Each structure stands twice: as structure tokens, then as C-alpha cells.
N, C-alpha and C. Protein backbone atom coordinates (compact mmCIF):
# COMPACT_ATOMS: atom_id res chain seq x y z
N MET A 1 24.39 4.20 -31.59
CA MET A 1 22.98 4.31 -31.93
C MET A 1 22.28 2.95 -31.79
N VAL A 2 22.99 1.90 -32.19
CA VAL A 2 22.41 0.56 -32.10
C VAL A 2 22.18 0.18 -30.64
N TRP A 3 23.10 0.56 -29.76
CA TRP A 3 22.94 0.23 -28.35
C TRP A 3 21.72 0.92 -27.75
N LEU A 4 21.39 2.11 -28.24
CA LEU A 4 20.21 2.81 -27.77
C LEU A 4 18.94 2.07 -28.18
N MET A 5 18.89 1.58 -29.40
CA MET A 5 17.74 0.80 -29.86
C MET A 5 17.63 -0.51 -29.08
N LEU A 6 18.75 -1.17 -28.84
CA LEU A 6 18.73 -2.41 -28.08
C LEU A 6 18.28 -2.18 -26.63
N THR A 7 18.72 -1.08 -26.06
CA THR A 7 18.29 -0.73 -24.70
C THR A 7 16.79 -0.49 -24.66
N PHE A 8 16.27 0.19 -25.66
CA PHE A 8 14.83 0.44 -25.73
C PHE A 8 14.05 -0.87 -25.85
N VAL A 9 14.51 -1.77 -26.70
CA VAL A 9 13.83 -3.05 -26.90
C VAL A 9 13.88 -3.89 -25.63
N VAL A 10 15.03 -3.95 -24.99
CA VAL A 10 15.17 -4.74 -23.75
C VAL A 10 14.28 -4.16 -22.65
N THR A 11 14.23 -2.85 -22.54
CA THR A 11 13.37 -2.21 -21.55
C THR A 11 11.90 -2.50 -21.82
N LEU A 12 11.51 -2.44 -23.06
CA LEU A 12 10.13 -2.74 -23.43
C LEU A 12 9.77 -4.19 -23.09
N ILE A 13 10.66 -5.10 -23.38
CA ILE A 13 10.42 -6.51 -23.06
C ILE A 13 10.33 -6.71 -21.55
N ALA A 14 11.20 -6.05 -20.80
CA ALA A 14 11.19 -6.17 -19.34
C ALA A 14 9.87 -5.66 -18.75
N PHE A 15 9.39 -4.53 -19.22
CA PHE A 15 8.11 -4.01 -18.75
C PHE A 15 6.96 -4.93 -19.12
N THR A 16 6.99 -5.49 -20.30
CA THR A 16 5.94 -6.40 -20.74
C THR A 16 5.89 -7.64 -19.84
N VAL A 17 7.04 -8.21 -19.55
CA VAL A 17 7.10 -9.39 -18.68
C VAL A 17 6.62 -9.04 -17.28
N TYR A 18 7.05 -7.92 -16.75
CA TYR A 18 6.66 -7.51 -15.40
C TYR A 18 5.15 -7.33 -15.29
N PHE A 19 4.54 -6.61 -16.22
CA PHE A 19 3.10 -6.37 -16.14
C PHE A 19 2.30 -7.63 -16.44
N ASP A 20 2.82 -8.52 -17.26
CA ASP A 20 2.16 -9.79 -17.51
C ASP A 20 2.11 -10.63 -16.24
N GLN A 21 3.21 -10.67 -15.50
CA GLN A 21 3.25 -11.42 -14.25
C GLN A 21 2.32 -10.81 -13.21
N SER A 22 2.27 -9.49 -13.14
CA SER A 22 1.39 -8.86 -12.15
C SER A 22 -0.07 -9.12 -12.47
N GLU A 23 -0.43 -9.15 -13.75
CA GLU A 23 -1.81 -9.47 -14.12
C GLU A 23 -2.16 -10.91 -13.76
N LYS A 24 -1.21 -11.82 -13.95
CA LYS A 24 -1.45 -13.22 -13.59
C LYS A 24 -1.68 -13.35 -12.09
N ARG A 25 -0.91 -12.61 -11.29
CA ARG A 25 -1.09 -12.66 -9.84
C ARG A 25 -2.47 -12.12 -9.45
N LYS A 26 -2.92 -11.06 -10.10
CA LYS A 26 -4.23 -10.50 -9.80
C LYS A 26 -5.34 -11.48 -10.14
N VAL A 27 -5.20 -12.16 -11.25
CA VAL A 27 -6.21 -13.14 -11.67
C VAL A 27 -6.26 -14.30 -10.69
N LYS A 28 -5.09 -14.79 -10.27
CA LYS A 28 -5.05 -15.90 -9.31
C LYS A 28 -5.67 -15.49 -7.99
N ALA A 29 -5.42 -14.29 -7.52
CA ALA A 29 -5.99 -13.82 -6.27
C ALA A 29 -7.50 -13.69 -6.39
N ASN A 30 -7.97 -13.22 -7.53
CA ASN A 30 -9.40 -13.07 -7.74
C ASN A 30 -10.09 -14.43 -7.79
N VAL A 31 -9.46 -15.41 -8.43
CA VAL A 31 -10.02 -16.75 -8.51
C VAL A 31 -10.09 -17.37 -7.12
N ALA A 32 -9.07 -17.16 -6.31
CA ALA A 32 -9.06 -17.71 -4.96
C ALA A 32 -10.20 -17.14 -4.13
N VAL A 33 -10.48 -15.85 -4.28
CA VAL A 33 -11.59 -15.24 -3.55
C VAL A 33 -12.91 -15.81 -4.04
N LYS A 34 -13.06 -15.98 -5.34
CA LYS A 34 -14.30 -16.54 -5.87
C LYS A 34 -14.49 -17.98 -5.41
N ASP A 35 -13.40 -18.76 -5.38
CA ASP A 35 -13.49 -20.12 -4.90
C ASP A 35 -13.91 -20.16 -3.44
N HIS A 36 -13.36 -19.27 -2.65
CA HIS A 36 -13.71 -19.22 -1.24
C HIS A 36 -15.18 -18.87 -1.07
N LYS A 37 -15.65 -17.90 -1.84
CA LYS A 37 -17.06 -17.51 -1.75
C LYS A 37 -17.97 -18.63 -2.23
N ALA A 38 -17.54 -19.34 -3.26
CA ALA A 38 -18.35 -20.46 -3.75
C ALA A 38 -18.41 -21.57 -2.71
N LEU A 39 -17.30 -21.84 -2.06
CA LEU A 39 -17.29 -22.85 -1.01
C LEU A 39 -18.16 -22.44 0.17
N GLU A 40 -18.11 -21.17 0.51
CA GLU A 40 -18.94 -20.68 1.61
C GLU A 40 -20.43 -20.80 1.26
N GLN A 41 -20.78 -20.47 0.02
CA GLN A 41 -22.17 -20.60 -0.42
C GLN A 41 -22.61 -22.06 -0.40
N GLU A 42 -21.73 -22.94 -0.82
CA GLU A 42 -22.01 -24.37 -0.80
C GLU A 42 -22.24 -24.85 0.63
N TYR A 43 -21.45 -24.35 1.55
CA TYR A 43 -21.59 -24.72 2.96
C TYR A 43 -22.95 -24.30 3.49
N TYR A 44 -23.36 -23.08 3.17
CA TYR A 44 -24.64 -22.59 3.69
C TYR A 44 -25.83 -23.24 3.00
N SER A 45 -25.68 -23.64 1.76
CA SER A 45 -26.84 -24.20 1.06
C SER A 45 -27.02 -25.70 1.33
N ARG A 46 -25.90 -26.45 1.43
CA ARG A 46 -26.05 -27.89 1.59
C ARG A 46 -25.28 -28.45 2.78
N GLY A 47 -24.54 -27.64 3.47
CA GLY A 47 -23.65 -28.13 4.51
C GLY A 47 -24.29 -28.16 5.89
N THR A 48 -23.44 -28.11 6.88
CA THR A 48 -23.85 -28.21 8.27
C THR A 48 -24.75 -27.05 8.68
N ALA A 49 -24.54 -25.89 8.14
CA ALA A 49 -25.37 -24.74 8.49
C ALA A 49 -26.83 -24.99 8.12
N ASN A 50 -27.06 -25.63 7.00
CA ASN A 50 -28.42 -25.94 6.58
C ASN A 50 -29.03 -27.00 7.49
N GLU A 51 -28.27 -28.00 7.85
CA GLU A 51 -28.77 -29.07 8.71
C GLU A 51 -29.10 -28.57 10.11
N SER A 52 -28.28 -27.68 10.64
CA SER A 52 -28.51 -27.20 12.01
C SER A 52 -29.71 -26.28 12.07
N ALA A 53 -30.16 -25.72 10.97
CA ALA A 53 -31.31 -24.83 10.97
C ALA A 53 -32.64 -25.58 10.90
N LYS A 54 -32.60 -26.88 10.64
CA LYS A 54 -33.85 -27.65 10.54
C LYS A 54 -34.48 -27.80 11.92
N HIS A 55 -35.77 -27.82 11.94
CA HIS A 55 -36.54 -27.88 13.19
C HIS A 55 -36.30 -29.19 13.95
N GLU A 56 -36.10 -30.27 13.24
CA GLU A 56 -35.95 -31.57 13.88
C GLU A 56 -34.65 -31.68 14.68
N HIS A 57 -33.71 -30.78 14.48
CA HIS A 57 -32.45 -30.83 15.19
C HIS A 57 -32.41 -29.93 16.41
N PHE A 58 -33.53 -29.27 16.73
CA PHE A 58 -33.56 -28.39 17.91
C PHE A 58 -33.71 -29.17 19.17
């Protein structure tokens, strides 16, 4: 009976660790996408794209 309880506890801990790691991976992927979008916005607002659109550079 004790081994059944221990098996249940170990399984619960294993699932908790697995889902915690998968959530961390999702958060990191989401942050990377946001960083990329922020960098792209920065490029268009102050970078070369903005400079090339000015009339004096035609």
C-alpha cells in the first residue's frame, strides 16, 4: 500500500516538473517574438528605413 502512495506522489511530482518546464519554454518563445517585434518597430521608427524615406535622400 505504501508503494502505491509513493508511486502516486512520484508521478505527481514528475508531471509538475514536466508542465513547469513546458510553460517556461512557452514564455521564452513568446518573449523572443516580442523582442523581435520590438526590434523591428525600432528599426522602422528610427533606423535605416526611416532615413531612406526622407525626401533629401532621393
